[in-house]
Amino acid sequence: MSISIETVRVGKDYYLVNYGEVHEFTVTKATGYKDFLCKDLNSLEEFKLSELTAYGKGKDFEFYGIDD
C-alpha cells in the first residue's frame, strides 16, 4: 500500500510511479505545504515533488519509502 505525501521526511529515499514514469529520489528540503525539493538517485537531477503529480495521479500511482 502506498504512503501519503504527509509522511514524507527530509533525508529519506522514496520510489514513485505515476503515469508509467518511475522515479527514485531523496528528499533534500521542505519547500512548502506538502511540497519538497528532491534529488533523483540515478541522474542527480533536482525537482520539486509537486512536479511529479502536477497532472494528477494515474491509475498506476504508487509511492513508497525505500528502506536503507
C-alpha atoms as a PDB file:
ATOM      1  CA  MET A   1       0.000   0.000   0.000  1.00  0.00           C
ATOM      2  CA  SER A   2       1.308   3.455  -0.948  1.00  0.00           C
ATOM      3  CA  ILE A   3       2.232   6.022   1.676  1.00  0.00           C
ATOM      4  CA  SER A   4       0.784   9.518   1.962  1.00  0.00           C
ATOM      5  CA  ILE A   5       2.589  12.703   0.912  1.00  0.00           C
ATOM      6  CA  GLU A   6       2.093  13.861   4.521  1.00  0.00           C
ATOM      7  CA  THR A   7       4.509  11.173   5.763  1.00  0.00           C
ATOM      8  CA  VAL A   8       7.449  12.368   3.615  1.00  0.00           C
ATOM      9  CA  ARG A   9      10.572  13.292   5.601  1.00  0.00           C
ATOM     10  CA  VAL A  10      13.686  15.231   4.591  1.00  0.00           C
ATOM     11  CA  GLY A  11      16.728  12.994   4.136  1.00  0.00           C
ATOM     12  CA  LYS A  12      14.739   9.845   3.274  1.00  0.00           C
ATOM     13  CA  ASP A  13      14.642   7.968  -0.053  1.00  0.00           C
ATOM     14  CA  TYR A  14      11.403   7.322  -1.958  1.00  0.00           C
ATOM     15  CA  TYR A  15      10.110   5.421  -5.000  1.00  0.00           C
ATOM     16  CA  LEU A  16       7.248   6.881  -7.049  1.00  0.00           C
ATOM     17  CA  VAL A  17       5.403   5.589 -10.138  1.00  0.00           C
ATOM     18  CA  ASN A  18       2.908   7.841 -11.921  1.00  0.00           C
ATOM     19  CA  TYR A  19       1.611   7.514 -15.488  1.00  0.00           C
ATOM     20  CA  GLY A  20       4.269   4.890 -16.232  1.00  0.00           C
ATOM     21  CA  GLU A  21       7.198   7.044 -15.113  1.00  0.00           C
ATOM     22  CA  VAL A  22       9.361   5.598 -12.339  1.00  0.00           C
ATOM     23  CA  HIS A  23      11.323   7.906 -10.019  1.00  0.00           C
ATOM     24  CA  GLU A  24      13.693   7.072  -7.163  1.00  0.00           C
ATOM     25  CA  PHE A  25      14.749  10.143  -5.205  1.00  0.00           C
ATOM     26  CA  THR A  26      15.969  11.646  -1.946  1.00  0.00           C
ATOM     27  CA  VAL A  27      14.059  14.491  -0.317  1.00  0.00           C
ATOM     28  CA  THR A  28      16.552  17.285   0.350  1.00  0.00           C
ATOM     29  CA  LYS A  29      14.411  20.182   1.586  1.00  0.00           C
ATOM     30  CA  ALA A  30      10.835  21.052   2.563  1.00  0.00           C
ATOM     31  CA  THR A  31       9.736  23.991   0.399  1.00  0.00           C
ATOM     32  CA  GLY A  32       6.121  24.495   1.416  1.00  0.00           C
ATOM     33  CA  TYR A  33       2.913  22.782   2.408  1.00  0.00           C
ATOM     34  CA  LYS A  34       3.153  19.205   1.036  1.00  0.00           C
ATOM     35  CA  ASP A  35       5.993  20.136  -1.333  1.00  0.00           C
ATOM     36  CA  PHE A  36       9.645  19.182  -1.235  1.00  0.00           C
ATOM     37  CA  LEU A  37      12.854  19.662  -3.186  1.00  0.00           C
ATOM     38  CA  CYS A  38      14.086  16.252  -4.358  1.00  0.00           C
ATOM     39  CA  LYS A  39      17.228  14.826  -5.964  1.00  0.00           C
ATOM     40  CA  ASP A  40      16.972  11.855  -8.338  1.00  0.00           C
ATOM     41  CA  LEU A  41      19.109   8.943  -7.106  1.00  0.00           C
ATOM     42  CA  ASN A  42      20.216   7.994 -10.633  1.00  0.00           C
ATOM     43  CA  SER A  43      20.636  11.231 -12.602  1.00  0.00           C
ATOM     44  CA  LEU A  44      21.106  13.633  -9.629  1.00  0.00           C
ATOM     45  CA  GLU A  45      18.573  15.970 -11.269  1.00  0.00           C
ATOM     46  CA  GLU A  46      16.751  18.247  -8.816  1.00  0.00           C
ATOM     47  CA  PHE A  47      12.995  18.815  -8.957  1.00  0.00           C
ATOM     48  CA  LYS A  48      10.005  19.531  -6.744  1.00  0.00           C
ATOM     49  CA  LEU A  49       7.808  16.640  -5.663  1.00  0.00           C
ATOM     50  CA  SER A  50       4.764  18.583  -6.885  1.00  0.00           C
ATOM     51  CA  GLU A  51       6.136  18.376 -10.457  1.00  0.00           C
ATOM     52  CA  LEU A  52       5.700  14.584 -10.401  1.00  0.00           C
ATOM     53  CA  THR A  53       1.996  14.872  -9.619  1.00  0.00           C
ATOM     54  CA  ALA A  54       1.247  18.137 -11.481  1.00  0.00           C
ATOM     55  CA  TYR A  55      -1.070  16.347 -13.934  1.00  0.00           C
ATOM     56  CA  GLY A  56      -2.829  14.288 -11.291  1.00  0.00           C
ATOM     57  CA  LYS A  57      -2.390  10.744 -10.097  1.00  0.00           C
ATOM     58  CA  GLY A  58      -2.681   7.970 -12.674  1.00  0.00           C
ATOM     59  CA  LYS A  59      -4.223   4.544 -12.183  1.00  0.00           C
ATOM     60  CA  ASP A  60      -0.700   3.160 -11.653  1.00  0.00           C
ATOM     61  CA  PHE A  61       0.200   5.671  -8.880  1.00  0.00           C
ATOM     62  CA  GLU A  62       2.481   4.132  -6.244  1.00  0.00           C
ATOM     63  CA  PHE A  63       4.518   5.944  -3.612  1.00  0.00           C
ATOM     64  CA  TYR A  64       6.798   4.085  -1.204  1.00  0.00           C
ATOM     65  CA  GLY A  65       9.701   4.766   1.116  1.00  0.00           C
ATOM     66  CA  ILE A  66      12.936   2.958   0.270  1.00  0.00           C
ATOM     67  CA  ASP A  67      14.404   1.226   3.313  1.00  0.00           C
ATOM     68  CA  ASP A  68      18.123   1.588   3.962  1.00  0.00           C
END
